[in-house]
C-alpha atoms as a PDB file:
ATOM      1  CA  MET A   1      -0.160   0.027  -0.022  1.00  0.00           C
ATOM      2  CA  THR A   2       1.172   3.410  -0.770  1.00  0.00           C
ATOM      3  CA  ASP A   3       1.186   6.234   2.047  1.00  0.00           C
ATOM      4  CA  PRO A   4      -1.862   8.397   1.582  1.00  0.00           C
ATOM      5  CA  LYS A   5      -0.788  12.352   0.689  1.00  0.00           C
ATOM      6  CA  PRO A   6      -0.903  14.586   3.438  1.00  0.00           C
ATOM      7  CA  ALA A   7      -4.111  16.493   3.564  1.00  0.00           C
ATOM      8  CA  GLY A   8      -3.820  19.968   1.648  1.00  0.00           C
ATOM      9  CA  GLU A   9      -0.566  19.199  -0.326  1.00  0.00           C
ATOM     10  CA  ALA A  10      -1.195  19.700  -4.017  1.00  0.00           C
ATOM     11  CA  PRO A  11      -0.586  16.710  -6.503  1.00  0.00           C
ATOM     12  CA  ARG A  12       2.935  16.737  -8.336  1.00  0.00           C
ATOM     13  CA  LEU A  13       2.740  16.803 -12.097  1.00  0.00           C
ATOM     14  CA  GLU A  14       5.213  14.728 -14.054  1.00  0.00           C
ATOM     15  CA  SER A  15       7.097  16.651 -16.454  1.00  0.00           C
ATOM     16  CA  ASP A  16       5.938  16.202 -20.150  1.00  0.00           C
ATOM     17  CA  PRO A  17       8.904  15.235 -22.009  1.00  0.00           C
ATOM     18  CA  HIS A  18       7.187  16.755 -25.297  1.00  0.00           C
ATOM     19  CA  GLN A  19       6.512  20.140 -23.655  1.00  0.00           C
ATOM     20  CA  GLY A  20       8.789  22.852 -24.670  1.00  0.00           C
ATOM     21  CA  PRO A  21      10.798  25.091 -21.946  1.00  0.00           C
ATOM     22  CA  PRO A  22       9.041  27.029 -19.598  1.00  0.00           C
ATOM     23  CA  PRO A  23       8.281  30.818 -20.916  1.00  0.00           C
ATOM     24  CA  PRO A  24      10.925  33.294 -19.963  1.00  0.00           C
ATOM     25  CA  PRO A  25       9.850  35.667 -16.817  1.00  0.00           C
ATOM     26  CA  LYS A  26       8.053  38.763 -17.707  1.00  0.00           C
ATOM     27  CA  PRO A  27      10.411  41.785 -17.415  1.00  0.00           C
ATOM     28  CA  PRO A  28      10.045  43.854 -14.265  1.00  0.00           C
ATOM     29  CA  ARG A  29       7.723  46.918 -14.890  1.00  0.00           C
ATOM     30  CA  ARG A  30      10.803  49.212 -13.752  1.00  0.00           C
ATOM     31  CA  ASN A  31      12.454  48.410 -17.108  1.00  0.00           C
ATOM     32  CA  TRP A  32       9.529  49.798 -19.132  1.00  0.00           C
ATOM     33  CA  LEU A  33       9.685  52.866 -16.903  1.00  0.00           C
ATOM     34  CA  ALA A  34      13.311  53.327 -17.551  1.00  0.00           C
ATOM     35  CA  ARG A  35      12.713  53.186 -21.321  1.00  0.00           C
ATOM     36  CA  ILE A  36       9.909  55.981 -20.928  1.00  0.00           C
ATOM     37  CA  LEU A  37      11.946  58.234 -18.755  1.00  0.00           C
ATOM     38  CA  LEU A  38      15.011  57.824 -21.598  1.00  0.00           C
ATOM     39  CA  LEU A  39      12.708  58.879 -24.337  1.00  0.00           C
ATOM     40  CA  LEU A  40      11.583  61.930 -22.376  1.00  0.00           C
ATOM     41  CA  LEU A  41      15.142  62.662 -21.875  1.00  0.00           C
ATOM     42  CA  LEU A  42      15.940  62.616 -25.426  1.00  0.00           C
ATOM     43  CA  VAL A  43      13.112  64.725 -26.187  1.00  0.00           C
ATOM     44  CA  SER A  44      13.849  67.136 -23.631  1.00  0.00           C
ATOM     45  CA  VAL A  45      17.349  67.484 -24.743  1.00  0.00           C
ATOM     46  CA  LEU A  46      16.168  67.760 -28.596  1.00  0.00           C
ATOM     47  CA  PHE A  47      13.840  70.796 -27.590  1.00  0.00           C
ATOM     48  CA  ASN A  48      16.395  72.502 -25.252  1.00  0.00           C
ATOM     49  CA  LEU A  49      19.055  72.252 -28.054  1.00  0.00           C
ATOM     50  CA  GLY A  50      16.368  73.779 -30.284  1.00  0.00           C
ATOM     51  CA  PHE A  51      15.538  76.884 -27.964  1.00  0.00           C
ATOM     52  CA  TYR A  52      19.199  77.527 -27.245  1.00  0.00           C
ATOM     53  CA  ALA A  53      19.935  77.559 -30.958  1.00  0.00           C
ATOM     54  CA  MET A  54      16.930  80.123 -31.723  1.00  0.00           C
ATOM     55  CA  TYR A  55      18.411  81.823 -28.603  1.00  0.00           C
ATOM     56  CA  GLN A  56      21.643  82.392 -30.263  1.00  0.00           C
ATOM     57  CA  GLU A  57      20.346  82.984 -33.733  1.00  0.00           C
ATOM     58  CA  PHE A  58      18.222  85.817 -32.172  1.00  0.00           C
ATOM     59  CA  PHE A  59      20.603  87.633 -30.147  1.00  0.00           C
ATOM     60  CA  ALA A  60      23.725  86.752 -32.182  1.00  0.00           C
ATOM     61  CA  SER A  61      24.860  89.552 -34.477  1.00  0.00           C
ATOM     62  CA  SER A  62      24.501  88.456 -38.026  1.00  0.00           C
ATOM     63  CA  ASP A  63      27.222  88.744 -40.444  1.00  0.00           C
ATOM     64  CA  GLY A  64      25.006  88.523 -43.497  1.00  0.00           C
ATOM     65  CA  PRO A  65      24.487  85.738 -45.933  1.00  0.00           C
ATOM     66  CA  SER A  66      26.784  83.328 -47.036  1.00  0.00           C
ATOM     67  CA  GLU A  67      28.712  83.280 -50.651  1.00  0.00           C
ATOM     68  CA  GLN A  68      28.298  80.473 -52.958  1.00  0.00           C
ATOM     69  CA  PHE A  69      30.562  80.469 -56.135  1.00  0.00           C
ATOM     70  CA  GLU A  70      28.280  80.346 -59.329  1.00  0.00           C
ATOM     71  CA  SER A  71      30.668  80.730 -62.174  1.00  0.00           C
ATOM     72  CA  GLY A  72      33.582  82.810 -63.766  1.00  0.00           C
ATOM     73  CA  ASP A  73      37.092  82.853 -62.157  1.00  0.00           C
ATOM     74  CA  GLN A  74      36.943  81.120 -58.753  1.00  0.00           C
ATOM     75  CA  PHE A  75      40.080  82.902 -57.647  1.00  0.00           C
ATOM     76  CA  ALA A  76      39.456  86.361 -59.123  1.00  0.00           C
ATOM     77  CA  GLU A  77      39.235  89.289 -56.334  1.00  0.00           C
ATOM     78  CA  GLN A  78      36.354  91.270 -57.887  1.00  0.00           C
ATOM     79  CA  LYS A  79      32.617  89.890 -57.763  1.00  0.00           C
ATOM     80  CA  ILE A  80      29.295  90.007 -59.249  1.00  0.00           C
ATOM     81  CA  ALA A  81      27.052  89.191 -56.640  1.00  0.00           C
ATOM     82  CA  ILE A  82      23.480  87.566 -57.257  1.00  0.00           C
ATOM     83  CA  VAL A  83      20.624  88.848 -55.266  1.00  0.00           C
ATOM     84  CA  THR A  84      17.791  86.175 -55.505  1.00  0.00           C
ATOM     85  CA  ILE A  85      13.944  87.354 -55.295  1.00  0.00           C
ATOM     86  CA  SER A  86      12.096  84.076 -55.589  1.00  0.00           C
ATOM     87  CA  GLY A  87       8.466  83.105 -54.444  1.00  0.00           C
ATOM     88  CA  THR A  88       5.973  85.475 -52.768  1.00  0.00           C
ATOM     89  CA  ILE A  89       7.719  88.684 -51.322  1.00  0.00           C
ATOM     90  CA  MET A  90       6.916  88.465 -47.840  1.00  0.00           C
ATOM     91  CA  PRO A  91       8.327  88.100 -44.476  1.00  0.00           C
ATOM     92  CA  PRO A  92      10.674  86.266 -43.166  1.00  0.00           C
ATOM     93  CA  PHE A  93      12.089  86.198 -46.974  1.00  0.00           C
ATOM     94  CA  THR A  94      12.143  90.081 -47.178  1.00  0.00           C
ATOM     95  CA  GLU A  95      14.554  90.400 -44.422  1.00  0.00           C
ATOM     96  CA  ARG A  96      17.095  87.706 -46.247  1.00  0.00           C
ATOM     97  CA  ILE A  97      16.798  89.828 -49.378  1.00  0.00           C
ATOM     98  CA  LEU A  98      17.484  93.054 -47.551  1.00  0.00           C
ATOM     99  CA  ARG A  99      20.218  91.508 -45.800  1.00  0.00           C
ATOM    100  CA  ALA A 100      21.699  90.212 -49.034  1.00  0.00           C
ATOM    101  CA  ILE A 101      21.460  93.755 -50.742  1.00  0.00           C
ATOM    102  CA  GLU A 102      23.391  95.142 -47.667  1.00  0.00           C
ATOM    103  CA  GLN A 103      26.114  92.806 -47.964  1.00  0.00           C
ATOM    104  CA  ALA A 104      26.375  93.482 -51.720  1.00  0.00           C
ATOM    105  CA  ASP A 105      26.292  97.126 -50.564  1.00  0.00           C
ATOM    106  CA  LYS A 106      29.253  96.975 -48.004  1.00  0.00           C
ATOM    107  CA  ASP A 107      31.734  94.548 -49.824  1.00  0.00           C
ATOM    108  CA  ASP A 108      34.162  96.656 -51.745  1.00  0.00           C
ATOM    109  CA  GLN A 109      34.896  93.628 -53.725  1.00  0.00           C
ATOM    110  CA  VAL A 110      31.523  93.329 -55.156  1.00  0.00           C
ATOM    111  CA  LYS A 111      31.559  95.546 -58.374  1.00  0.00           C
ATOM    112  CA  ALA A 112      27.777  94.922 -59.642  1.00  0.00           C
ATOM    113  CA  VAL A 113      24.952  93.156 -58.691  1.00  0.00           C
ATOM    114  CA  LEU A 114      22.602  91.224 -60.739  1.00  0.00           C
ATOM    115  CA  LEU A 115      19.039  90.888 -59.345  1.00  0.00           C
ATOM    116  CA  GLU A 116      17.549  87.699 -60.294  1.00  0.00           C
ATOM    117  CA  VAL A 117      13.918  87.597 -60.050  1.00  0.00           C
ATOM    118  CA  ASP A 118      11.351  84.648 -60.069  1.00  0.00           C
ATOM    119  CA  SER A 119       8.183  85.994 -58.441  1.00  0.00           C
ATOM    120  CA  PRO A 120       4.606  86.640 -58.628  1.00  0.00           C
ATOM    121  CA  GLY A 121       4.898  89.349 -56.297  1.00  0.00           C
ATOM    122  CA  GLY A 122       3.755  90.019 -52.862  1.00  0.00           C
ATOM    123  CA  LEU A 123       3.009  92.308 -50.042  1.00  0.00           C
ATOM    124  CA  VAL A 124       3.309  96.340 -51.124  1.00  0.00           C
ATOM    125  CA  ALA A 125       5.512  97.205 -48.093  1.00  0.00           C
ATOM    126  CA  ASP A 126       7.775  94.554 -48.645  1.00  0.00           C
ATOM    127  CA  SER A 127       7.930  95.385 -52.246  1.00  0.00           C
ATOM    128  CA  HIS A 128       8.937  98.726 -51.665  1.00  0.00           C
ATOM    129  CA  GLN A 129      11.203  98.122 -48.909  1.00  0.00           C
ATOM    130  CA  ILE A 130      13.436  96.176 -51.313  1.00  0.00           C
ATOM    131  CA  TYR A 131      12.924  98.551 -54.111  1.00  0.00           C
ATOM    132  CA  HIS A 132      14.258 101.489 -51.793  1.00  0.00           C
ATOM    133  CA  ARG A 133      17.393  99.633 -50.733  1.00  0.00           C
ATOM    134  CA  LEU A 134      18.092  98.935 -54.450  1.00  0.00           C
ATOM    135  CA  VAL A 135      17.866 102.504 -55.222  1.00  0.00           C
ATOM    136  CA  GLU A 136      20.616 102.954 -52.457  1.00  0.00           C
ATOM    137  CA  LEU A 137      22.877 100.459 -53.828  1.00  0.00           C
ATOM    138  CA  ARG A 138      22.576 101.380 -57.554  1.00  0.00           C
ATOM    139  CA  GLU A 139      24.179 104.910 -56.302  1.00  0.00           C
ATOM    140  CA  LYS A 140      27.324 103.008 -55.824  1.00  0.00           C
ATOM    141  CA  LYS A 141      27.158  99.809 -58.031  1.00  0.00           C
ATOM    142  CA  PRO A 142      25.308  99.036 -61.553  1.00  0.00           C
ATOM    143  CA  ILE A 143      22.707  96.497 -61.310  1.00  0.00           C
ATOM    144  CA  ALA A 144      20.895  94.459 -64.016  1.00  0.00           C
ATOM    145  CA  VAL A 145      17.931  92.256 -63.760  1.00  0.00           C
ATOM    146  CA  SER A 146      17.595  88.658 -64.907  1.00  0.00           C
ATOM    147  CA  MET A 147      13.716  87.583 -64.919  1.00  0.00           C
ATOM    148  CA  LYS A 148      13.008  83.939 -64.759  1.00  0.00           C
ATOM    149  CA  ARG A 149       9.848  82.046 -64.861  1.00  0.00           C
ATOM    150  CA  MET A 150       7.797  85.088 -63.841  1.00  0.00           C
ATOM    151  CA  ALA A 151       8.250  88.425 -62.597  1.00  0.00           C
ATOM    152  CA  ALA A 152       5.190  90.173 -62.330  1.00  0.00           C
ATOM    153  CA  SER A 153       3.470  92.666 -60.271  1.00  0.00           C
ATOM    154  CA  GLY A 154       5.827  93.087 -57.139  1.00  0.00           C
ATOM    155  CA  GLY A 155       8.117  90.657 -59.107  1.00  0.00           C
ATOM    156  CA  TYR A 156       8.171  93.721 -61.729  1.00  0.00           C
ATOM    157  CA  TYR A 157       8.211  96.372 -58.921  1.00  0.00           C
ATOM    158  CA  VAL A 158      11.354  95.507 -57.529  1.00  0.00           C
ATOM    159  CA  SER A 159      13.094  95.160 -60.885  1.00  0.00           C
ATOM    160  CA  MET A 160      12.649  98.870 -61.111  1.00  0.00           C
ATOM    161  CA  GLY A 161      15.267  99.241 -58.582  1.00  0.00           C
ATOM    162  CA  ALA A 162      17.839  98.649 -61.578  1.00  0.00           C
ATOM    163  CA  GLY A 163      17.049 102.045 -62.585  1.00  0.00           C
ATOM    164  CA  THR A 164      17.314 103.706 -65.922  1.00  0.00           C
ATOM    165  CA  ASP A 165      20.908 102.721 -66.400  1.00  0.00           C
ATOM    166  CA  GLY A 166      20.211  98.993 -65.564  1.00  0.00           C
ATOM    167  CA  VAL A 167      19.296  96.676 -68.147  1.00  0.00           C
ATOM    168  CA  ILE A 168      16.536  94.158 -67.615  1.00  0.00           C
ATOM    169  CA  PHE A 169      16.916  90.842 -69.435  1.00  0.00           C
ATOM    170  CA  ALA A 170      13.936  88.232 -69.455  1.00  0.00           C
ATOM    171  CA  GLU A 171      13.931  84.662 -70.831  1.00  0.00           C
ATOM    172  CA  PRO A 172      12.082  84.019 -73.663  1.00  0.00           C
ATOM    173  CA  THR A 173       9.328  82.225 -71.383  1.00  0.00           C
ATOM    174  CA  THR A 174       9.364  84.631 -68.681  1.00  0.00           C
ATOM    175  CA  TRP A 175       5.892  86.312 -67.671  1.00  0.00           C
ATOM    176  CA  THR A 176       5.532  89.853 -66.347  1.00  0.00           C
ATOM    177  CA  GLY A 177       3.588  92.537 -66.146  1.00  0.00           C
ATOM    178  CA  SER A 178       0.412  92.275 -64.150  1.00  0.00           C
ATOM    179  CA  LEU A 179       1.029  95.644 -62.970  1.00  0.00           C
ATOM    180  CA  GLY A 180      -1.630  97.032 -60.434  1.00  0.00           C
ATOM    181  CA  VAL A 181      -2.849  96.341 -56.731  1.00  0.00           C
ATOM    182  CA  ILE A 182      -5.492  93.824 -55.095  1.00  0.00           C
ATOM    183  CA  ILE A 183      -6.746  93.439 -51.907  1.00  0.00           C
ATOM    184  CA  PRO A 184      -7.910  89.863 -51.692  1.00  0.00           C
ATOM    185  CA  ARG A 185     -11.909  89.750 -50.290  1.00  0.00           C
ATOM    186  CA  PHE A 186     -14.257  87.060 -50.131  1.00  0.00           C
ATOM    187  CA  ASP A 187     -18.175  87.914 -50.332  1.00  0.00           C
ATOM    188  CA  LEU A 188     -20.048  85.326 -48.205  1.00  0.00           C
ATOM    189  CA  SER A 189     -22.966  87.310 -47.636  1.00  0.00           C
ATOM    190  CA  GLY A 190     -25.271  85.069 -49.831  1.00  0.00           C
ATOM    191  CA  LEU A 191     -24.019  81.838 -48.101  1.00  0.00           C
ATOM    192  CA  ALA A 192     -24.525  83.577 -44.775  1.00  0.00           C
ATOM    193  CA  ASP A 193     -28.347  84.634 -45.769  1.00  0.00           C
ATOM    194  CA  LYS A 194     -28.903  80.687 -46.815  1.00  0.00           C
ATOM    195  CA  VAL A 195     -27.385  79.329 -43.224  1.00  0.00           C
ATOM    196  CA  GLY A 196     -28.737  82.011 -41.202  1.00  0.00           C
ATOM    197  CA  ILE A 197     -25.630  83.515 -40.191  1.00  0.00           C
ATOM    198  CA  VAL A 198     -25.759  87.223 -38.781  1.00  0.00           C
ATOM    199  CA  SER A 199     -22.586  89.287 -38.691  1.00  0.00           C
ATOM    200  CA  ASP A 200     -22.693  91.716 -35.500  1.00  0.00           C
ATOM    201  CA  PRO A 201     -19.235  92.986 -34.718  1.00  0.00           C
ATOM    202  CA  LEU A 202     -18.838  95.359 -31.719  1.00  0.00           C
ATOM    203  CA  LYS A 203     -16.814  98.164 -33.200  1.00  0.00           C
ATOM    204  CA  THR A 204     -16.063 101.943 -32.490  1.00  0.00           C
ATOM    205  CA  GLY A 205     -15.952 103.195 -36.034  1.00  0.00           C
ATOM    206  CA  GLU A 206     -18.052 102.826 -39.271  1.00  0.00           C
ATOM    207  CA  PHE A 207     -15.266 101.698 -41.215  1.00  0.00           C
ATOM    208  CA  LYS A 208     -13.489  99.180 -38.791  1.00  0.00           C
ATOM    209  CA  ASP A 209     -15.133  96.079 -40.306  1.00  0.00           C
ATOM    210  CA  ALA A 210     -15.506  97.394 -44.081  1.00  0.00           C
ATOM    211  CA  LEU A 211     -13.676  94.003 -45.376  1.00  0.00           C
ATOM    212  CA  ASN A 212     -16.304  91.660 -43.276  1.00  0.00           C
ATOM    213  CA  PRO A 213     -17.172  88.813 -45.894  1.00  0.00           C
ATOM    214  CA  PHE A 214     -20.699  88.373 -44.403  1.00  0.00           C
ATOM    215  CA  ARG A 215     -22.183  91.363 -45.634  1.00  0.00           C
ATOM    216  CA  ASN A 216     -22.247  93.428 -48.650  1.00  0.00           C
ATOM    217  CA  MET A 217     -19.930  96.521 -48.887  1.00  0.00           C
ATOM    218  CA  THR A 218     -21.376 100.066 -48.429  1.00  0.00           C
ATOM    219  CA  LYS A 219     -20.491 102.772 -51.143  1.00  0.00           C
ATOM    220  CA  ARG A 220     -18.733 104.508 -48.595  1.00  0.00           C
ATOM    221  CA  GLU A 221     -16.732 101.489 -47.467  1.00  0.00           C
ATOM    222  CA  ARG A 222     -15.771 101.009 -51.229  1.00  0.00           C
ATOM    223  CA  ASP A 223     -14.728 104.650 -51.687  1.00  0.00           C
ATOM    224  CA  VAL A 224     -12.321 104.426 -48.633  1.00  0.00           C
ATOM    225  CA  TRP A 225     -10.712 101.333 -49.885  1.00  0.00           C
ATOM    226  CA  ASP A 226     -10.909 102.561 -53.535  1.00  0.00           C
ATOM    227  CA  HIS A 227      -8.645 105.504 -52.510  1.00  0.00           C
ATOM    228  CA  ILE A 228      -6.054 103.342 -50.494  1.00  0.00           C
ATOM    229  CA  LEU A 229      -6.009 100.970 -53.540  1.00  0.00           C
ATOM    230  CA  ASP A 230      -5.210 103.858 -55.921  1.00  0.00           C
ATOM    231  CA  GLU A 231      -2.454 105.533 -54.020  1.00  0.00           C
ATOM    232  CA  SER A 232      -0.429 102.262 -54.367  1.00  0.00           C
ATOM    233  CA  TYR A 233      -1.433 102.042 -57.679  1.00  0.00           C
ATOM    234  CA  GLN A 234      -0.458 105.325 -58.775  1.00  0.00           C
ATOM    235  CA  ARG A 235       2.988 104.887 -56.991  1.00  0.00           C
ATOM    236  CA  PHE A 236       3.232 101.629 -58.682  1.00  0.00           C
ATOM    237  CA  ILE A 237       2.976 103.778 -62.072  1.00  0.00           C
ATOM    238  CA  ASN A 238       5.188 106.526 -61.125  1.00  0.00           C
ATOM    239  CA  ILE A 239       7.957 104.344 -60.229  1.00  0.00           C
ATOM    240  CA  ILE A 240       7.894 102.513 -63.469  1.00  0.00           C
ATOM    241  CA  ALA A 241       7.808 105.762 -65.548  1.00  0.00           C
ATOM    242  CA  ASP A 242      10.907 107.107 -63.291  1.00  0.00           C
ATOM    243  CA  ASN A 243      12.731 104.021 -64.003  1.00  0.00           C
ATOM    244  CA  ARG A 244      11.840 102.901 -68.012  1.00  0.00           C
ATOM    245  CA  LYS A 245      13.329 105.713 -69.774  1.00  0.00           C
ATOM    246  CA  ASP A 246      11.238 105.114 -72.964  1.00  0.00           C
ATOM    247  CA  LEU A 247       7.694 104.964 -71.018  1.00  0.00           C
ATOM    248  CA  ASP A 248       6.213 107.882 -69.621  1.00  0.00           C
ATOM    249  CA  TYR A 249       3.270 108.237 -67.198  1.00  0.00           C
ATOM    250  CA  GLU A 250       0.258 107.978 -69.538  1.00  0.00           C
ATOM    251  CA  GLN A 251       2.078 104.939 -71.533  1.00  0.00           C
ATOM    252  CA  VAL A 252       2.523 102.918 -68.165  1.00  0.00           C
ATOM    253  CA  LYS A 253      -1.158 103.650 -67.316  1.00  0.00           C
ATOM    254  CA  LYS A 254      -2.131 101.902 -70.586  1.00  0.00           C
ATOM    255  CA  LEU A 255      -0.179  98.908 -69.613  1.00  0.00           C
ATOM    256  CA  ALA A 256      -0.907  98.811 -65.981  1.00  0.00           C
ATOM    257  CA  THR A 257      -4.558  96.585 -66.580  1.00  0.00           C
ATOM    258  CA  GLY A 258      -3.243  93.680 -64.458  1.00  0.00           C
ATOM    259  CA  GLN A 259      -2.415  91.839 -67.643  1.00  0.00           C
ATOM    260  CA  ILE A 260       0.643  89.170 -67.942  1.00  0.00           C
ATOM    261  CA  TYR A 261       2.810  90.106 -70.894  1.00  0.00           C
ATOM    262  CA  THR A 262       4.907  87.351 -72.365  1.00  0.00           C
ATOM    263  CA  ALA A 263       8.675  88.635 -72.821  1.00  0.00           C
ATOM    264  CA  THR A 264       7.993  89.106 -76.570  1.00  0.00           C
ATOM    265  CA  ASP A 265       5.239  91.658 -75.676  1.00  0.00           C
ATOM    266  CA  ALA A 266       6.960  92.983 -72.725  1.00  0.00           C
ATOM    267  CA  LYS A 267       9.970  93.996 -74.907  1.00  0.00           C
ATOM    268  CA  ALA A 268       7.338  95.619 -77.759  1.00  0.00           C
ATOM    269  CA  ASN A 269       5.973  97.680 -74.669  1.00  0.00           C
ATOM    270  CA  GLY A 270       9.044  98.745 -73.278  1.00  0.00           C
ATOM    271  CA  LEU A 271       8.668  96.962 -70.072  1.00  0.00           C
ATOM    272  CA  ILE A 272      12.063  94.945 -70.522  1.00  0.00           C
ATOM    273  CA  ASP A 273      15.253  95.603 -72.424  1.00  0.00           C
ATOM    274  CA  GLU A 274      16.548  92.025 -73.780  1.00  0.00           C
ATOM    275  CA  ILE A 275      15.388  88.660 -74.050  1.00  0.00           C
ATOM    276  CA  GLY A 276      18.172  86.615 -72.582  1.00  0.00           C
ATOM    277  CA  TYR A 277      19.516  84.363 -70.053  1.00  0.00           C
ATOM    278  CA  GLN A 278      21.458  84.964 -66.813  1.00  0.00           C
ATOM    279  CA  GLU A 279      24.647  84.501 -68.589  1.00  0.00           C
ATOM    280  CA  ASP A 280      23.915  87.436 -70.713  1.00  0.00           C
ATOM    281  CA  ALA A 281      23.101  89.394 -67.894  1.00  0.00           C
ATOM    282  CA  ILE A 282      26.339  88.744 -66.442  1.00  0.00           C
ATOM    283  CA  ALA A 283      28.018  89.381 -69.486  1.00  0.00           C
ATOM    284  CA  HIS A 284      26.550  92.808 -69.638  1.00  0.00           C
ATOM    285  CA  LEU A 285      27.551  93.593 -66.079  1.00  0.00           C
ATOM    286  CA  GLN A 286      31.080  92.368 -66.935  1.00  0.00           C
ATOM    287  CA  LYS A 287      31.275  94.448 -69.811  1.00  0.00           C
ATOM    288  CA  LYS A 288      29.988  97.622 -68.097  1.00  0.00           C
ATOM    289  CA  THR A 289      32.439  97.406 -65.035  1.00  0.00           C
ATOM    290  CA  GLY A 290      35.254  96.429 -67.242  1.00  0.00           C
ATOM    291  CA  LEU A 291      36.325  93.600 -65.279  1.00  0.00           C
ATOM    292  CA  GLU A 292      38.449  90.907 -67.205  1.00  0.00           C
ATOM    293  CA  LYS A 293      38.094  88.240 -64.560  1.00  0.00           C
ATOM    294  CA  VAL A 294      35.418  88.237 -62.196  1.00  0.00           C
ATOM    295  CA  ARG A 295      33.867  85.684 -59.435  1.00  0.00           C
ATOM    296  CA  VAL A 296      30.374  85.346 -59.928  1.00  0.00           C
ATOM    297  CA  ILE A 297      28.924  84.458 -56.378  1.00  0.00           C
ATOM    298  CA  ARG A 298      25.259  84.158 -55.051  1.00  0.00           C
ATOM    299  CA  TYR A 299      24.107  85.122 -51.652  1.00  0.00           C
ATOM    300  CA  THR A 300      22.604  82.114 -49.751  1.00  0.00           C
ATOM    301  CA  HIS A 301      21.015  81.686 -46.528  1.00  0.00           C
ATOM    302  CA  PRO A 302      21.798  78.024 -44.950  1.00  0.00           C
ATOM    303  CA  ALA A 303      19.430  76.497 -42.526  1.00  0.00           C
ATOM    304  CA  SER A 304      20.508  77.372 -39.136  1.00  0.00           C
ATOM    305  CA  LEU A 305      20.535  74.948 -36.712  1.00  0.00           C
ATOM    306  CA  ALA A 306      16.968  75.704 -35.269  1.00  0.00           C
ATOM    307  CA  ASP A 307      15.719  75.002 -38.502  1.00  0.00           C
ATOM    308  CA  ILE A 308      17.423  71.452 -38.664  1.00  0.00           C
ATOM    309  CA  LEU A 309      16.304  70.314 -35.328  1.00  0.00           C
ATOM    310  CA  LEU A 310      12.730  71.738 -35.579  1.00  0.00           C
ATOM    311  CA  SER A 311      12.416  70.573 -39.316  1.00  0.00           C
ATOM    312  CA  THR A 312      12.395  74.216 -40.327  1.00  0.00           C
ATOM    313  CA  ALA A 313       9.722  76.701 -39.292  1.00  0.00           C
ATOM    314  CA  GLU A 314       7.684  76.198 -42.419  1.00  0.00           C
ATOM    315  CA  ALA A 315       7.701  72.394 -42.417  1.00  0.00           C
ATOM    316  CA  GLY A 316       7.366  71.776 -38.658  1.00  0.00           C
ATOM    317  CA  GLN A 317       4.477  74.599 -38.062  1.00  0.00           C
ATOM    318  CA  VAL A 318       1.320  73.279 -37.105  1.00  0.00           C
ATOM    319  CA  GLU A 319       0.062  76.824 -35.903  1.00  0.00           C
ATOM    320  CA  ASN A 320      -2.907  77.602 -34.176  1.00  0.00           C
ATOM    321  CA  ARG A 321      -5.769  77.339 -36.783  1.00  0.00           C
ATOM    322  CA  LYS A 322      -7.896  80.030 -34.911  1.00  0.00           C
ATOM    323  CA  GLN A 323      -4.979  82.420 -35.030  1.00  0.00           C
ATOM    324  CA  ALA A 324      -4.486  81.455 -38.543  1.00  0.00           C
ATOM    325  CA  LEU A 325      -8.126  82.425 -39.483  1.00  0.00           C
ATOM    326  CA  LEU A 326      -7.835  85.669 -37.699  1.00  0.00           C
ATOM    327  CA  GLU A 327      -4.679  86.607 -39.552  1.00  0.00           C
ATOM    328  CA  SER A 328      -6.237  85.664 -42.762  1.00  0.00           C
ATOM    329  CA  THR A 329      -8.807  88.348 -42.137  1.00  0.00           C
ATOM    330  CA  VAL A 330      -6.227  91.222 -41.985  1.00  0.00           C
ATOM    331  CA  PRO A 331      -6.559  93.484 -44.977  1.00  0.00           C
ATOM    332  CA  ARG A 332      -3.103  93.412 -46.820  1.00  0.00           C
ATOM    333  CA  ALA A 333      -2.822  95.157 -50.242  1.00  0.00           C
ATOM    334  CA  MET A 334      -0.626  93.046 -52.478  1.00  0.00           C
ATOM    335  CA  TYR A 335       1.455  93.390 -55.820  1.00  0.00           C
ATOM    336  CA  TYR A 336       0.170  90.003 -56.467  1.00  0.00           C
ATOM    337  CA  THR A 337      -0.510  88.232 -59.504  1.00  0.00           C
ATOM    338  CA  SER A 338      -3.565  86.207 -58.284  1.00  0.00           C
ATOM    339  CA  TRP A 339      -7.300  86.572 -57.550  1.00  0.00           C
ATOM    340  CA  LEU A 340      -7.270  84.401 -54.887  1.00  0.00           C
ATOM    341  CA  GLY A 341      -4.942  86.017 -52.136  1.00  0.00           C
ATOM    342  CA  ASP A 342      -5.190  84.228 -48.644  1.00  0.00           C
ATOM    343  CA  VAL A 343      -7.065  81.179 -47.527  1.00  0.00           C
ATOM    344  CA  PRO A 344      -7.977  81.020 -44.075  1.00  0.00           C
ATOM    345  CA  GLY A 345      -6.231  78.462 -42.349  1.00  0.00           C
ATOM    346  CA  LEU A 346      -3.722  77.773 -45.221  1.00  0.00           C
ATOM    347  CA  GLN A 347      -0.975  80.430 -44.290  1.00  0.00           C
END
């Protein structure tokens, strides 16, 4: 007889030779906690590096843009500098363009400047700022213009910085012109009536919400904005007349209908001087300055450490949509080749 098992003792199970090894013990929770803390530490380090880089970039005294060799004699002392105006003329690109112009002005080795324009235009104030700095620069150094795909509206406005002595080159496929001013506005009053939206802002003056898209403009409001537009329009016409030696005020006014001109039509109407490419403009400047050997350089603005760490301000920007919507309602006069303007929330 076998001895009875003591009461309360669990029966022993024989090991199954076909059963695999027992599963490994679960890692303690503190290992996962350590990993989470390490990840948070890395994120914190990246953010602190980004903020430190932005701090240095904000408070550091900038020496201006970098120089990149473009063509010519790489070892020549005398230089022709290319200042690029590309895309919509607006902050923060305006400041970069102004710094490039300033750099060309201060550098005694720069004997001439090529303004390379590939822009549909932009803000009125920014376009005029660039033009104003170019007027100061041309008193010291000759300027020529090379128009690329498009140099329209504000892109043409800044080209006037070359002055009456500056030669404007446009490629055969360049679109230019679109001379005029636009303030983008949406009229949603019909939609508001259908869905029952009533706009009733609290304001201190009759014209405070003159561009309210949820109601029709009054005649007095339209008269106010027509006056504002006309002032910018007249300035545009006068600047062209002052800087195009073969065009007077009345001739410019006939051309300033907002129409786009091809390079051929622009040359026939006196808006440009030559149909040619960048190398033609550089050859013109080299001949004008009498330089046998010249180093052509381009001003560039390399990405800062903050841009790299934060995937650039534009790409990494997930801005507050409410703020974007409010900003889109601010009236901004534009020398711009588009009827659309700003789409709310897509800045």
